């Protein structure tokens, strides 16, 4: 029997050059693992960068803004409660005066309830630039993740719109004023000023609420 012509040779999974095909298969497997590791590295890097950015942003911007809006809402709610309680405040000289103050308090409460963190926080230009760079360099898996995040943000916006509608329904009769888009940082300053004036009329400093 001629051993140079093996009957199994045509069926060999390695073909005519088993060493070459083995090397090719190994290179492919190795490349797949490297690509997977690269993608995981990008994802981990993004998560680390986003977490660091969130921590820094919350400490420098988020916490102070959230605290201020929370204090304003609490003060406005307390003033409205005082005005609508059965025991009138000393500063109320007549029912008409009281009605005007209640209307102002309701307006301030309604406006403050519509403010969202995304309305007043300043844009992080550096984070936006990094996000654009990642989008340009991302593969299809990353883009799919971005699409999912976009759908999540859109869902949150719809929920906020529903909250806005409910707030308007429960605000009672308020002064009719033309609204132009979402609230802005200037609106927070404006509402703080009106709330301060209202508290001064009642002789109740904001710092004591």
N, C-alpha and C. Protein backbone atom coordinates (compact mmCIF):
# COMPACT_ATOMS: atom_id res chain seq x y z
N UNK A 1 0.86 -1.21 0.00
CA UNK A 1 0.00 0.00 0.00
C UNK A 1 0.88 1.24 0.00
N UNK A 2 0.50 2.16 -0.86
CA UNK A 2 1.29 3.39 -0.95
C UNK A 2 0.83 4.34 0.14
N UNK A 3 1.70 4.58 1.13
CA UNK A 3 1.32 5.44 2.25
C UNK A 3 1.27 6.90 1.88
N UNK A 4 1.79 7.24 0.70
CA UNK A 4 1.76 8.66 0.29
C UNK A 4 0.37 9.10 -0.12
N UNK A 5 -0.51 8.12 -0.38
CA UNK A 5 -1.87 8.44 -0.78
C UNK A 5 -2.83 7.83 0.23
N UNK A 6 -3.07 8.53 1.31
CA UNK A 6 -3.95 8.02 2.35
C UNK A 6 -5.40 8.16 1.94
N UNK A 7 -6.23 7.12 2.18
CA UNK A 7 -7.65 7.21 1.82
C UNK A 7 -8.39 8.25 2.64
N UNK A 8 -7.79 8.71 3.78
CA UNK A 8 -8.44 9.70 4.65
C UNK A 8 -8.03 11.13 4.32
N UNK A 9 -7.13 11.25 3.37
CA UNK A 9 -6.55 12.58 3.13
C UNK A 9 -7.58 13.58 2.64
N UNK A 10 -8.48 13.13 1.73
CA UNK A 10 -9.47 14.06 1.19
C UNK A 10 -10.47 14.51 2.25
N UNK A 11 -10.67 13.63 3.27
CA UNK A 11 -11.63 13.97 4.32
C UNK A 11 -10.99 14.69 5.49
N UNK A 12 -9.71 14.94 5.45
CA UNK A 12 -9.03 15.59 6.56
C UNK A 12 -9.55 17.01 6.76
N UNK A 13 -9.88 17.38 8.01
CA UNK A 13 -10.36 18.75 8.27
C UNK A 13 -9.30 19.80 8.04
N UNK A 14 -8.04 19.37 7.92
CA UNK A 14 -6.97 20.35 7.73
C UNK A 14 -6.57 20.49 6.26
N UNK A 15 -7.17 19.68 5.35
CA UNK A 15 -6.92 19.84 3.93
C UNK A 15 -5.49 19.48 3.55
N UNK A 16 -4.98 20.18 2.54
CA UNK A 16 -3.65 19.88 2.01
C UNK A 16 -2.54 20.37 2.92
N UNK A 17 -2.80 21.44 3.69
CA UNK A 17 -1.75 22.02 4.53
C UNK A 17 -2.29 22.22 5.94
N UNK A 18 -2.32 21.14 6.74
CA UNK A 18 -2.93 21.23 8.07
C UNK A 18 -2.30 22.30 8.95
N UNK A 19 -0.99 22.47 8.87
CA UNK A 19 -0.32 23.47 9.70
C UNK A 19 -0.81 24.86 9.36
N UNK A 20 -0.96 25.17 8.08
CA UNK A 20 -1.40 26.49 7.63
C UNK A 20 -2.83 26.77 8.07
N UNK A 21 -3.70 25.76 7.93
CA UNK A 21 -5.11 25.97 8.30
C UNK A 21 -5.26 26.08 9.81
N UNK A 22 -4.49 25.29 10.55
CA UNK A 22 -4.53 25.40 12.01
C UNK A 22 -4.13 26.80 12.45
N UNK A 23 -3.08 27.29 11.85
CA UNK A 23 -2.61 28.64 12.17
C UNK A 23 -3.69 29.67 11.83
N UNK A 24 -4.36 29.46 10.70
CA UNK A 24 -5.42 30.39 10.28
C UNK A 24 -6.58 30.37 11.26
N UNK A 25 -6.99 29.14 11.68
CA UNK A 25 -8.09 29.03 12.63
C UNK A 25 -7.71 29.68 13.96
N UNK A 26 -6.49 29.42 14.41
CA UNK A 26 -6.05 30.00 15.68
C UNK A 26 -6.02 31.53 15.61
N UNK A 27 -5.55 32.05 14.47
CA UNK A 27 -5.49 33.50 14.29
C UNK A 27 -6.90 34.10 14.36
N UNK A 28 -7.87 33.39 13.74
CA UNK A 28 -9.24 33.89 13.75
C UNK A 28 -9.82 33.90 15.17
N UNK A 29 -9.60 32.77 15.89
CA UNK A 29 -10.10 32.69 17.27
C UNK A 29 -9.45 33.76 18.14
N UNK A 30 -8.13 33.89 17.98
CA UNK A 30 -7.39 34.89 18.77
C UNK A 30 -7.89 36.29 18.47
N UNK A 31 -8.14 36.56 17.18
CA UNK A 31 -8.62 37.87 16.77
C UNK A 31 -10.00 38.16 17.35
N UNK A 32 -10.87 37.12 17.35
CA UNK A 32 -12.22 37.29 17.91
C UNK A 32 -12.16 37.63 19.39
N UNK A 33 -11.28 36.94 20.12
CA UNK A 33 -11.14 37.22 21.54
C UNK A 33 -10.60 38.63 21.78
N UNK A 34 -9.66 39.04 20.95
CA UNK A 34 -9.08 40.37 21.10
C UNK A 34 -10.14 41.45 20.83
N UNK A 35 -10.95 41.23 19.77
CA UNK A 35 -12.00 42.19 19.45
C UNK A 35 -13.03 42.27 20.57
N UNK A 36 -13.39 41.10 21.12
CA UNK A 36 -14.35 41.08 22.23
C UNK A 36 -13.77 41.80 23.44
N UNK A 37 -12.49 41.55 23.72
CA UNK A 37 -11.85 42.22 24.84
C UNK A 37 -11.76 43.72 24.62
N UNK A 38 -11.51 44.11 23.37
CA UNK A 38 -11.43 45.54 23.06
C UNK A 38 -12.77 46.22 23.29
N UNK A 39 -13.86 45.54 22.84
CA UNK A 39 -15.19 46.12 23.04
C UNK A 39 -15.53 46.23 24.52
N UNK A 40 -15.18 45.17 25.27
CA UNK A 40 -15.44 45.21 26.71
C UNK A 40 -14.63 46.30 27.38
N UNK A 41 -13.40 46.49 26.89
CA UNK A 41 -12.56 47.55 27.45
C UNK A 41 -13.15 48.93 27.20
N UNK A 42 -13.68 49.13 25.98
CA UNK A 42 -14.31 50.41 25.65
C UNK A 42 -15.51 50.64 26.56
N UNK A 43 -16.35 49.60 26.71
CA UNK A 43 -17.54 49.72 27.55
C UNK A 43 -17.17 50.04 28.99
N UNK A 44 -16.18 49.31 29.52
CA UNK A 44 -15.75 49.55 30.90
C UNK A 44 -15.17 50.96 31.05
N UNK A 45 -14.42 51.39 30.05
CA UNK A 45 -13.84 52.73 30.09
C UNK A 45 -14.92 53.80 30.07
N UNK A 46 -15.94 53.58 29.24
CA UNK A 46 -17.05 54.55 29.19
C UNK A 46 -17.75 54.62 30.53
N UNK A 47 -18.03 53.43 31.12
CA UNK A 47 -18.74 53.41 32.40
C UNK A 47 -17.93 54.12 33.47
N UNK A 48 -16.61 53.89 33.48
CA UNK A 48 -15.75 54.52 34.47
C UNK A 48 -15.74 56.03 34.28
N UNK A 49 -15.64 56.47 33.01
CA UNK A 49 -15.60 57.91 32.71
C UNK A 49 -16.93 58.57 33.06
N UNK A 50 -18.03 57.89 32.72
CA UNK A 50 -19.34 58.44 33.01
C UNK A 50 -19.57 58.55 34.51
N UNK A 51 -19.13 57.52 35.27
CA UNK A 51 -19.31 57.55 36.71
C UNK A 51 -18.51 58.67 37.33
N UNK A 52 -17.27 58.84 36.87
CA UNK A 52 -16.43 59.93 37.38
C UNK A 52 -17.06 61.28 37.05
N UNK A 53 -17.55 61.40 35.80
CA UNK A 53 -18.18 62.66 35.42
C UNK A 53 -19.43 62.93 36.22
N UNK A 54 -20.21 61.87 36.50
CA UNK A 54 -21.41 62.05 37.30
C UNK A 54 -21.07 62.49 38.71
N UNK A 55 -20.07 61.82 39.32
CA UNK A 55 -19.69 62.17 40.69
C UNK A 55 -19.25 63.62 40.79
N UNK A 56 -18.40 64.04 39.83
CA UNK A 56 -17.91 65.42 39.86
C UNK A 56 -19.04 66.41 39.56
N UNK A 57 -19.87 66.08 38.57
CA UNK A 57 -20.96 66.98 38.21
C UNK A 57 -21.98 67.12 39.32
N UNK A 58 -22.29 66.01 39.98
CA UNK A 58 -23.28 66.07 41.06
C UNK A 58 -22.77 66.90 42.23
N UNK A 59 -21.47 66.73 42.56
CA UNK A 59 -20.90 67.47 43.68
C UNK A 59 -20.83 68.96 43.40
N UNK A 60 -20.48 69.33 42.15
CA UNK A 60 -20.26 70.73 41.82
C UNK A 60 -21.53 71.44 41.35
N UNK A 61 -22.45 70.70 40.73
CA UNK A 61 -23.62 71.33 40.13
C UNK A 61 -24.93 70.72 40.61
N UNK A 62 -25.02 69.39 40.53
CA UNK A 62 -26.28 68.72 40.82
C UNK A 62 -26.78 68.94 42.23
N UNK A 63 -25.92 68.70 43.22
CA UNK A 63 -26.33 68.82 44.61
C UNK A 63 -26.78 70.24 44.97
N UNK A 64 -25.99 71.29 44.65
CA UNK A 64 -26.42 72.64 44.97
C UNK A 64 -27.74 73.04 44.29
N UNK A 65 -27.87 72.71 42.99
CA UNK A 65 -29.09 73.06 42.27
C UNK A 65 -30.28 72.30 42.83
N UNK A 66 -30.10 71.01 43.05
CA UNK A 66 -31.20 70.21 43.59
C UNK A 66 -31.62 70.69 44.96
N UNK A 67 -30.64 71.06 45.79
CA UNK A 67 -30.96 71.56 47.13
C UNK A 67 -31.72 72.87 47.06
N UNK A 68 -31.29 73.77 46.18
CA UNK A 68 -31.96 75.06 46.07
C UNK A 68 -33.41 74.91 45.60
N UNK A 69 -33.61 74.11 44.56
CA UNK A 69 -34.97 73.91 44.05
C UNK A 69 -35.83 73.24 45.10
N UNK A 70 -35.25 72.28 45.83
CA UNK A 70 -36.00 71.61 46.89
C UNK A 70 -36.40 72.58 48.00
N UNK A 71 -35.49 73.48 48.39
CA UNK A 71 -35.80 74.46 49.42
C UNK A 71 -36.88 75.44 48.96
N UNK A 72 -36.79 75.87 47.71
CA UNK A 72 -37.79 76.79 47.18
C UNK A 72 -39.17 76.13 47.14
N UNK A 73 -39.22 74.90 46.71
CA UNK A 73 -40.50 74.19 46.67
C UNK A 73 -41.07 74.01 48.07
N UNK A 74 -40.20 73.67 49.02
CA UNK A 74 -40.67 73.50 50.40
C UNK A 74 -41.19 74.80 50.98
N UNK A 75 -40.48 75.91 50.73
CA UNK A 75 -40.90 77.20 51.25
C UNK A 75 -42.21 77.64 50.62
N UNK A 76 -42.33 77.45 49.30
CA UNK A 76 -43.56 77.85 48.60
C UNK A 76 -44.75 77.03 49.10
N UNK A 77 -44.53 75.75 49.32
CA UNK A 77 -45.60 74.89 49.83
C UNK A 77 -46.01 75.30 51.24
N UNK A 78 -45.03 75.65 52.07
CA UNK A 78 -45.33 76.07 53.44
C UNK A 78 -46.13 77.37 53.46
N UNK A 79 -45.74 78.31 52.59
CA UNK A 79 -46.45 79.58 52.54
C UNK A 79 -47.89 79.38 52.07
N UNK A 80 -48.08 78.55 51.07
CA UNK A 80 -49.43 78.28 50.59
C UNK A 80 -50.27 77.61 51.68
N UNK A 81 -49.65 76.75 52.46
CA UNK A 81 -50.34 76.09 53.56
C UNK A 81 -50.75 77.10 54.63
N UNK A 82 -49.86 78.05 54.91
CA UNK A 82 -50.18 79.08 55.90
C UNK A 82 -51.33 79.97 55.42
N UNK A 83 -51.29 80.28 54.13
CA UNK A 83 -52.32 81.18 53.58
C UNK A 83 -53.70 80.53 53.51
N UNK A 84 -53.74 79.24 53.33
CA UNK A 84 -55.02 78.54 53.19
C UNK A 84 -55.48 77.87 54.49
N UNK A 85 -54.74 78.09 55.57
CA UNK A 85 -55.13 77.51 56.85
C UNK A 85 -56.31 78.27 57.45
N UNK A 86 -56.95 77.67 58.44
CA UNK A 86 -58.12 78.30 59.06
C UNK A 86 -57.74 79.49 59.92
N UNK A 87 -56.53 79.50 60.43
CA UNK A 87 -56.08 80.60 61.27
C UNK A 87 -55.35 81.63 60.42
N UNK A 88 -55.96 82.79 60.15
CA UNK A 88 -55.32 83.80 59.28
C UNK A 88 -54.05 84.38 59.90
N UNK A 89 -53.13 84.74 59.03
CA UNK A 89 -51.89 85.36 59.49
C UNK A 89 -52.11 86.82 59.82
N UNK A 90 -51.30 87.40 60.71
CA UNK A 90 -51.45 88.81 61.09
C UNK A 90 -51.32 89.76 59.92
N UNK A 91 -50.53 89.42 58.92
CA UNK A 91 -50.31 90.32 57.79
C UNK A 91 -51.47 90.40 56.83
N UNK A 92 -52.51 89.57 57.02
CA UNK A 92 -53.66 89.58 56.11
C UNK A 92 -54.71 90.54 56.66
N UNK A 93 -54.91 91.64 55.94
CA UNK A 93 -55.84 92.68 56.41
C UNK A 93 -57.24 92.52 55.86
N UNK A 94 -57.40 91.78 54.79
CA UNK A 94 -58.72 91.60 54.19
C UNK A 94 -58.75 90.30 53.38
N UNK A 95 -59.97 89.87 53.08
CA UNK A 95 -60.12 88.65 52.28
C UNK A 95 -59.58 88.83 50.87
N UNK A 96 -59.76 90.03 50.33
CA UNK A 96 -59.26 90.28 48.96
C UNK A 96 -57.74 90.22 48.92
N UNK A 97 -57.11 90.76 49.98
CA UNK A 97 -55.66 90.71 50.06
C UNK A 97 -55.19 89.25 50.17
N UNK A 98 -55.93 88.50 50.98
CA UNK A 98 -55.58 87.09 51.16
C UNK A 98 -55.74 86.32 49.86
N UNK A 99 -56.80 86.58 49.13
CA UNK A 99 -57.02 85.88 47.85
C UNK A 99 -55.90 86.16 46.87
N UNK A 100 -55.41 87.41 46.84
CA UNK A 100 -54.33 87.77 45.93
C UNK A 100 -53.05 87.04 46.30
N UNK A 101 -52.79 86.95 47.62
CA UNK A 101 -51.58 86.27 48.07
C UNK A 101 -51.67 84.76 47.81
N UNK A 102 -52.85 84.19 47.99
CA UNK A 102 -53.04 82.76 47.72
C UNK A 102 -52.82 82.48 46.23
N UNK A 103 -53.34 83.37 45.40
CA UNK A 103 -53.16 83.20 43.95
C UNK A 103 -51.68 83.25 43.58
N UNK A 104 -50.94 84.18 44.19
CA UNK A 104 -49.51 84.29 43.92
C UNK A 104 -48.77 83.04 44.40
N UNK A 105 -49.14 82.55 45.58
CA UNK A 105 -48.50 81.36 46.13
C UNK A 105 -48.77 80.14 45.25
N UNK A 106 -49.99 80.04 44.75
CA UNK A 106 -50.31 78.92 43.87
C UNK A 106 -49.54 78.99 42.55
N UNK A 107 -49.40 80.20 42.06
CA UNK A 107 -48.64 80.37 40.82
C UNK A 107 -47.18 79.92 41.01
N UNK A 108 -46.57 80.38 42.11
CA UNK A 108 -45.17 80.02 42.37
C UNK A 108 -45.02 78.51 42.54
N UNK A 109 -45.95 77.91 43.29
CA UNK A 109 -45.91 76.45 43.47
C UNK A 109 -46.02 75.72 42.15
N UNK A 110 -46.93 76.19 41.30
CA UNK A 110 -47.14 75.55 40.00
C UNK A 110 -45.89 75.66 39.13
N UNK A 111 -45.28 76.85 39.11
CA UNK A 111 -44.08 77.05 38.29
C UNK A 111 -42.91 76.21 38.79
N UNK A 112 -42.74 76.16 40.10
CA UNK A 112 -41.64 75.38 40.67
C UNK A 112 -41.83 73.88 40.41
N UNK A 113 -43.07 73.42 40.39
CA UNK A 113 -43.33 71.99 40.17
C UNK A 113 -42.99 71.56 38.75
N UNK A 114 -42.91 72.52 37.83
CA UNK A 114 -42.62 72.18 36.44
C UNK A 114 -41.12 72.14 36.13
N UNK A 115 -40.32 72.63 37.05
CA UNK A 115 -38.87 72.68 36.80
C UNK A 115 -38.26 71.31 36.97
N UNK A 116 -37.48 70.91 35.97
CA UNK A 116 -36.75 69.65 36.03
C UNK A 116 -35.25 69.96 36.08
N UNK A 117 -34.50 69.00 36.61
CA UNK A 117 -33.06 69.20 36.72
C UNK A 117 -32.44 69.48 35.36
N UNK A 118 -32.93 68.79 34.33
CA UNK A 118 -32.38 68.96 32.98
C UNK A 118 -32.67 70.34 32.41
N UNK A 119 -33.64 71.06 33.00
CA UNK A 119 -33.98 72.40 32.51
C UNK A 119 -32.96 73.45 32.96
N UNK A 120 -32.39 73.24 34.12
CA UNK A 120 -31.58 74.30 34.73
C UNK A 120 -30.09 73.98 34.83
N UNK A 121 -29.73 72.69 34.68
CA UNK A 121 -28.31 72.35 34.80
C UNK A 121 -27.57 72.84 33.56
N UNK A 122 -26.43 73.47 33.71
CA UNK A 122 -25.67 73.95 32.54
C UNK A 122 -25.11 72.78 31.76
N UNK A 123 -25.05 72.87 30.42
CA UNK A 123 -24.54 71.76 29.61
C UNK A 123 -23.06 71.53 29.84
N UNK A 124 -22.68 70.27 29.91
CA UNK A 124 -21.27 69.88 30.06
C UNK A 124 -20.68 69.73 28.67
N UNK A 125 -20.04 70.79 28.18
CA UNK A 125 -19.51 70.79 26.82
C UNK A 125 -18.45 69.72 26.62
N UNK A 126 -17.63 69.49 27.65
CA UNK A 126 -16.58 68.48 27.54
C UNK A 126 -17.20 67.08 27.39
N UNK A 127 -18.25 66.82 28.17
CA UNK A 127 -18.90 65.51 28.09
C UNK A 127 -19.56 65.33 26.73
N UNK A 128 -20.16 66.40 26.19
CA UNK A 128 -20.79 66.32 24.88
C UNK A 128 -19.75 66.00 23.81
N UNK A 129 -18.59 66.66 23.89
CA UNK A 129 -17.53 66.41 22.91
C UNK A 129 -17.04 64.97 22.99
N UNK A 130 -16.87 64.45 24.22
CA UNK A 130 -16.44 63.07 24.39
C UNK A 130 -17.48 62.11 23.83
N UNK A 131 -18.75 62.42 24.05
CA UNK A 131 -19.82 61.54 23.56
C UNK A 131 -19.80 61.48 22.04
N UNK A 132 -19.55 62.62 21.40
CA UNK A 132 -19.49 62.62 19.93
C UNK A 132 -18.31 61.80 19.42
N UNK A 133 -17.17 61.90 20.12
CA UNK A 133 -16.01 61.12 19.72
C UNK A 133 -16.30 59.62 19.83
N UNK A 134 -16.95 59.24 20.92
CA UNK A 134 -17.28 57.83 21.10
C UNK A 134 -18.25 57.34 20.04
N UNK A 135 -19.20 58.18 19.66
CA UNK A 135 -20.17 57.79 18.64
C UNK A 135 -19.48 57.56 17.30
N UNK A 136 -18.52 58.40 16.99
CA UNK A 136 -17.82 58.26 15.71
C UNK A 136 -16.96 57.00 15.68
N UNK A 137 -16.39 56.64 16.84
CA UNK A 137 -15.48 55.49 16.88
C UNK A 137 -16.17 54.20 17.27
N UNK A 138 -17.44 54.27 17.66
CA UNK A 138 -18.13 53.09 18.18
C UNK A 138 -18.50 52.11 17.09
N UNK A 139 -18.59 50.83 17.45
CA UNK A 139 -19.04 49.81 16.51
C UNK A 139 -20.56 49.70 16.60
N UNK A 140 -21.13 48.73 15.89
CA UNK A 140 -22.57 48.61 15.84
C UNK A 140 -23.16 48.27 17.20
N UNK A 141 -22.42 47.51 18.01
CA UNK A 141 -22.92 47.17 19.34
C UNK A 141 -23.07 48.41 20.19
N UNK A 142 -22.09 49.30 20.11
CA UNK A 142 -22.16 50.54 20.88
C UNK A 142 -23.32 51.40 20.40
N UNK A 143 -23.53 51.45 19.09
CA UNK A 143 -24.62 52.26 18.55
C UNK A 143 -25.97 51.72 19.00
N UNK A 144 -26.09 50.41 19.08
CA UNK A 144 -27.33 49.81 19.57
C UNK A 144 -27.57 50.21 21.01
N UNK A 145 -26.50 50.26 21.80
CA UNK A 145 -26.62 50.66 23.19
C UNK A 145 -27.04 52.12 23.29
N UNK A 146 -26.48 52.97 22.42
CA UNK A 146 -26.85 54.38 22.42
C UNK A 146 -28.32 54.56 22.06
N UNK A 147 -28.81 53.73 21.12
CA UNK A 147 -30.22 53.81 20.72
C UNK A 147 -31.11 53.45 21.90
N UNK A 148 -30.71 52.40 22.65
CA UNK A 148 -31.48 51.99 23.80
C UNK A 148 -31.51 53.10 24.85
N UNK A 149 -30.36 53.75 25.07
CA UNK A 149 -30.30 54.85 26.03
C UNK A 149 -31.18 56.00 25.57
N UNK A 150 -31.20 56.25 24.24
CA UNK A 150 -32.04 57.31 23.71
C UNK A 150 -33.51 57.04 23.95
N UNK A 151 -33.91 55.77 23.80
CA UNK A 151 -35.30 55.40 24.05
C UNK A 151 -35.64 55.57 25.53
N UNK A 152 -34.65 55.29 26.40
CA UNK A 152 -34.87 55.44 27.83
C UNK A 152 -35.06 56.91 28.19
N UNK A 153 -34.26 57.79 27.58
CA UNK A 153 -34.37 59.23 27.82
C UNK A 153 -35.72 59.74 27.33
N UNK A 154 -36.13 59.26 26.13
CA UNK A 154 -37.41 59.68 25.57
C UNK A 154 -38.56 59.26 26.47
N UNK A 155 -38.47 58.07 27.05
CA UNK A 155 -39.50 57.59 27.96
C UNK A 155 -39.57 58.46 29.20
N UNK A 156 -38.39 58.88 29.71
CA UNK A 156 -38.35 59.75 30.89
C UNK A 156 -38.98 61.10 30.58
N UNK A 157 -38.72 61.62 29.36
CA UNK A 157 -39.31 62.89 28.98
C UNK A 157 -40.83 62.81 28.92
N UNK A 158 -41.35 61.69 28.41
CA UNK A 158 -42.80 61.51 28.35
C UNK A 158 -43.39 61.49 29.75
N UNK A 159 -42.68 60.82 30.68
CA UNK A 159 -43.15 60.77 32.05
C UNK A 159 -43.15 62.17 32.68
N UNK A 160 -42.11 62.95 32.38
CA UNK A 160 -42.05 64.31 32.91
C UNK A 160 -43.18 65.16 32.33
N UNK A 161 -43.53 64.95 31.07
CA UNK A 161 -44.64 65.68 30.46
C UNK A 161 -45.95 65.34 31.16
N UNK A 162 -46.11 64.06 31.53
CA UNK A 162 -47.30 63.65 32.26
C UNK A 162 -47.34 64.29 33.64
N UNK A 163 -46.18 64.36 34.29
CA UNK A 163 -46.10 65.01 35.59
C UNK A 163 -46.46 66.49 35.48
N UNK A 164 -46.00 67.13 34.40
CA UNK A 164 -46.32 68.54 34.19
C UNK A 164 -47.82 68.74 34.06
N UNK A 165 -48.47 67.86 33.29
CA UNK A 165 -49.91 67.97 33.08
C UNK A 165 -50.67 67.80 34.39
N UNK A 166 -50.23 66.84 35.21
CA UNK A 166 -50.88 66.61 36.49
C UNK A 166 -50.67 67.79 37.43
N UNK A 167 -49.49 68.39 37.38
CA UNK A 167 -49.21 69.54 38.24
C UNK A 167 -50.10 70.71 37.89
N UNK A 168 -50.34 70.91 36.57
CA UNK A 168 -51.20 72.01 36.14
C UNK A 168 -52.63 71.78 36.59
N UNK A 169 -53.07 70.52 36.57
CA UNK A 169 -54.44 70.22 36.97
C UNK A 169 -54.66 70.47 38.46
N UNK A 170 -53.61 70.22 39.26
CA UNK A 170 -53.77 70.36 40.70
C UNK A 170 -53.33 71.71 41.25
N UNK A 171 -52.94 72.62 40.37
CA UNK A 171 -52.42 73.90 40.86
C UNK A 171 -53.50 74.89 41.21
N UNK A 172 -54.74 74.64 40.80
CA UNK A 172 -55.81 75.58 41.08
C UNK A 172 -55.76 76.74 40.12
N UNK A 173 -56.44 77.84 40.45
CA UNK A 173 -56.47 79.02 39.60
C UNK A 173 -55.22 79.85 39.80
N UNK A 174 -54.47 80.05 38.74
CA UNK A 174 -53.24 80.83 38.86
C UNK A 174 -53.26 81.96 37.85
N UNK A 175 -52.39 82.89 38.04
CA UNK A 175 -52.31 84.03 37.15
C UNK A 175 -51.93 83.57 35.75
N UNK A 176 -52.67 84.01 34.75
CA UNK A 176 -52.39 83.60 33.37
C UNK A 176 -51.18 84.33 32.86
N UNK A 177 -50.14 83.60 32.54
CA UNK A 177 -48.92 84.17 31.98
C UNK A 177 -48.48 83.32 30.81
N UNK A 178 -47.98 83.97 29.77
CA UNK A 178 -47.57 83.27 28.56
C UNK A 178 -46.31 82.46 28.85
N UNK A 179 -46.35 81.17 28.49
CA UNK A 179 -45.19 80.31 28.70
C UNK A 179 -44.48 80.09 27.37
N UNK A 180 -43.18 80.11 27.41
CA UNK A 180 -42.38 79.91 26.21
C UNK A 180 -41.38 78.79 26.45
N UNK A 181 -41.76 77.58 26.08
CA UNK A 181 -40.86 76.45 26.21
C UNK A 181 -40.63 76.02 27.65
N UNK A 182 -39.59 75.22 27.85
CA UNK A 182 -39.25 74.69 29.17
C UNK A 182 -38.63 75.78 30.04
N UNK A 183 -38.72 75.61 31.39
CA UNK A 183 -38.10 76.59 32.30
C UNK A 183 -36.60 76.67 32.08
N UNK A 184 -36.05 77.83 32.45
CA UNK A 184 -34.62 78.07 32.32
C UNK A 184 -34.05 78.51 33.67
N UNK A 185 -32.73 78.56 33.81
CA UNK A 185 -32.14 79.01 35.07
C UNK A 185 -32.65 80.38 35.51
N UNK A 186 -32.90 81.27 34.54
CA UNK A 186 -33.42 82.59 34.89
C UNK A 186 -34.79 82.49 35.56
N UNK A 187 -35.56 81.47 35.21
CA UNK A 187 -36.87 81.31 35.82
C UNK A 187 -36.75 80.96 37.29
N UNK A 188 -35.72 80.22 37.65
CA UNK A 188 -35.50 79.89 39.06
C UNK A 188 -35.20 81.18 39.84
N UNK A 189 -34.36 82.03 39.27
CA UNK A 189 -34.03 83.31 39.92
C UNK A 189 -35.28 84.17 40.07
N UNK A 190 -36.08 84.20 39.01
CA UNK A 190 -37.32 85.00 39.03
C UNK A 190 -38.28 84.50 40.10
N UNK A 191 -38.47 83.20 40.16
CA UNK A 191 -39.40 82.63 41.13
C UNK A 191 -38.89 82.80 42.56
N UNK A 192 -37.56 82.72 42.74
CA UNK A 192 -37.00 82.97 44.06
C UNK A 192 -37.31 84.39 44.52
N UNK A 193 -37.19 85.35 43.57
CA UNK A 193 -37.50 86.74 43.90
C UNK A 193 -38.96 86.94 44.29
N UNK A 194 -39.86 86.33 43.54
CA UNK A 194 -41.28 86.47 43.84
C UNK A 194 -41.63 85.80 45.17
N UNK A 195 -41.00 84.67 45.44
CA UNK A 195 -41.25 83.98 46.70
C UNK A 195 -40.71 84.79 47.87
N UNK A 196 -39.57 85.43 47.68
CA UNK A 196 -39.01 86.28 48.73
C UNK A 196 -39.94 87.46 49.03
N UNK A 197 -40.45 88.09 47.98
CA UNK A 197 -41.38 89.21 48.16
C UNK A 197 -42.64 88.77 48.89
N UNK A 198 -43.15 87.60 48.51
CA UNK A 198 -44.36 87.09 49.16
C UNK A 198 -44.12 86.81 50.64
N UNK A 199 -42.98 86.22 50.94
CA UNK A 199 -42.68 85.92 52.34
C UNK A 199 -42.51 87.19 53.16
N UNK A 200 -41.94 88.24 52.54
CA UNK A 200 -41.77 89.50 53.25
C UNK A 200 -43.11 90.17 53.55
N UNK A 201 -44.05 90.03 52.62
CA UNK A 201 -45.39 90.59 52.85
C UNK A 201 -46.07 89.92 54.04
N UNK A 202 -45.77 88.65 54.21
CA UNK A 202 -46.38 87.89 55.31
C UNK A 202 -45.57 87.98 56.59
N UNK A 203 -44.39 88.59 56.51
CA UNK A 203 -43.53 88.69 57.68
C UNK A 203 -42.92 87.35 58.07
N UNK A 204 -42.73 86.48 57.08
CA UNK A 204 -42.16 85.16 57.35
C UNK A 204 -40.91 85.00 56.49
N UNK A 205 -39.73 85.26 57.03
CA UNK A 205 -38.49 85.13 56.24
C UNK A 205 -38.30 83.71 55.71
N UNK A 206 -37.79 83.62 54.50
CA UNK A 206 -37.58 82.31 53.88
C UNK A 206 -36.66 81.43 54.71
N UNK A 207 -35.69 82.05 55.38
CA UNK A 207 -34.73 81.28 56.16
C UNK A 207 -35.35 80.56 57.35
N UNK A 208 -36.56 81.00 57.76
CA UNK A 208 -37.20 80.38 58.90
C UNK A 208 -38.13 79.25 58.50
N UNK A 209 -38.35 79.07 57.18
CA UNK A 209 -39.28 78.03 56.72
C UNK A 209 -38.57 76.70 56.58
